[in-house]
Amino acid sequence: MTTSLILRRTLLAISAAALCVPAMAELADIKSAGKLRVGIDFGAPFYGYVDDKMKPVGSDVEAAELLAKDLGLTLEIVNTTNSSRIPNLLSNKVDLIISSLSITPERQKAVDFSIPYGAIQAAVGAPRASSSPASKTWPARPWP
């Protein structure tokens, strides 16, 4: 999946969430403030990280820039961590989060989610000719 496609899906999902009726008053408050505060985890290379010039970059940063531009707002990026994403949102330190965030029933009780715009596949790796227990009990490659 290309970065452009990811960004388009991200922007579509975020825009859909931003336009939901229950969020209208909050969107009006954000617009009246003139800036969009977005929480992004800089510990996720390609999604959010800081480059060699100490500038936030990545697809999450680009999506935030596009959303702020579409809303006619200044963007304020707030660096978050996995454990601070939802607390920052609930304590009004950020207006929204653009970050890898699994949708769980527990989290759905606290925050609203956009339509998912991406999926991350995780795997465990070990050398092929390994004496590790993992190489003896797991199939070499059960998927293409």
Foldseek 3Di string as FASTA:
>chain_A
DDLVLLLVLLLVQVVVVCPDPVNVVVLVVCVVVQEAEEEEAQVDPQQWHADPVRHIDHSVVVSQVVNCVVSRGHYHYDHDHPVCQLVCCQVVVGVYYRYDDDDDPVVVVRDDGTDDSDDDDDDDDDDCPDPDPCNVPDDPDPDD
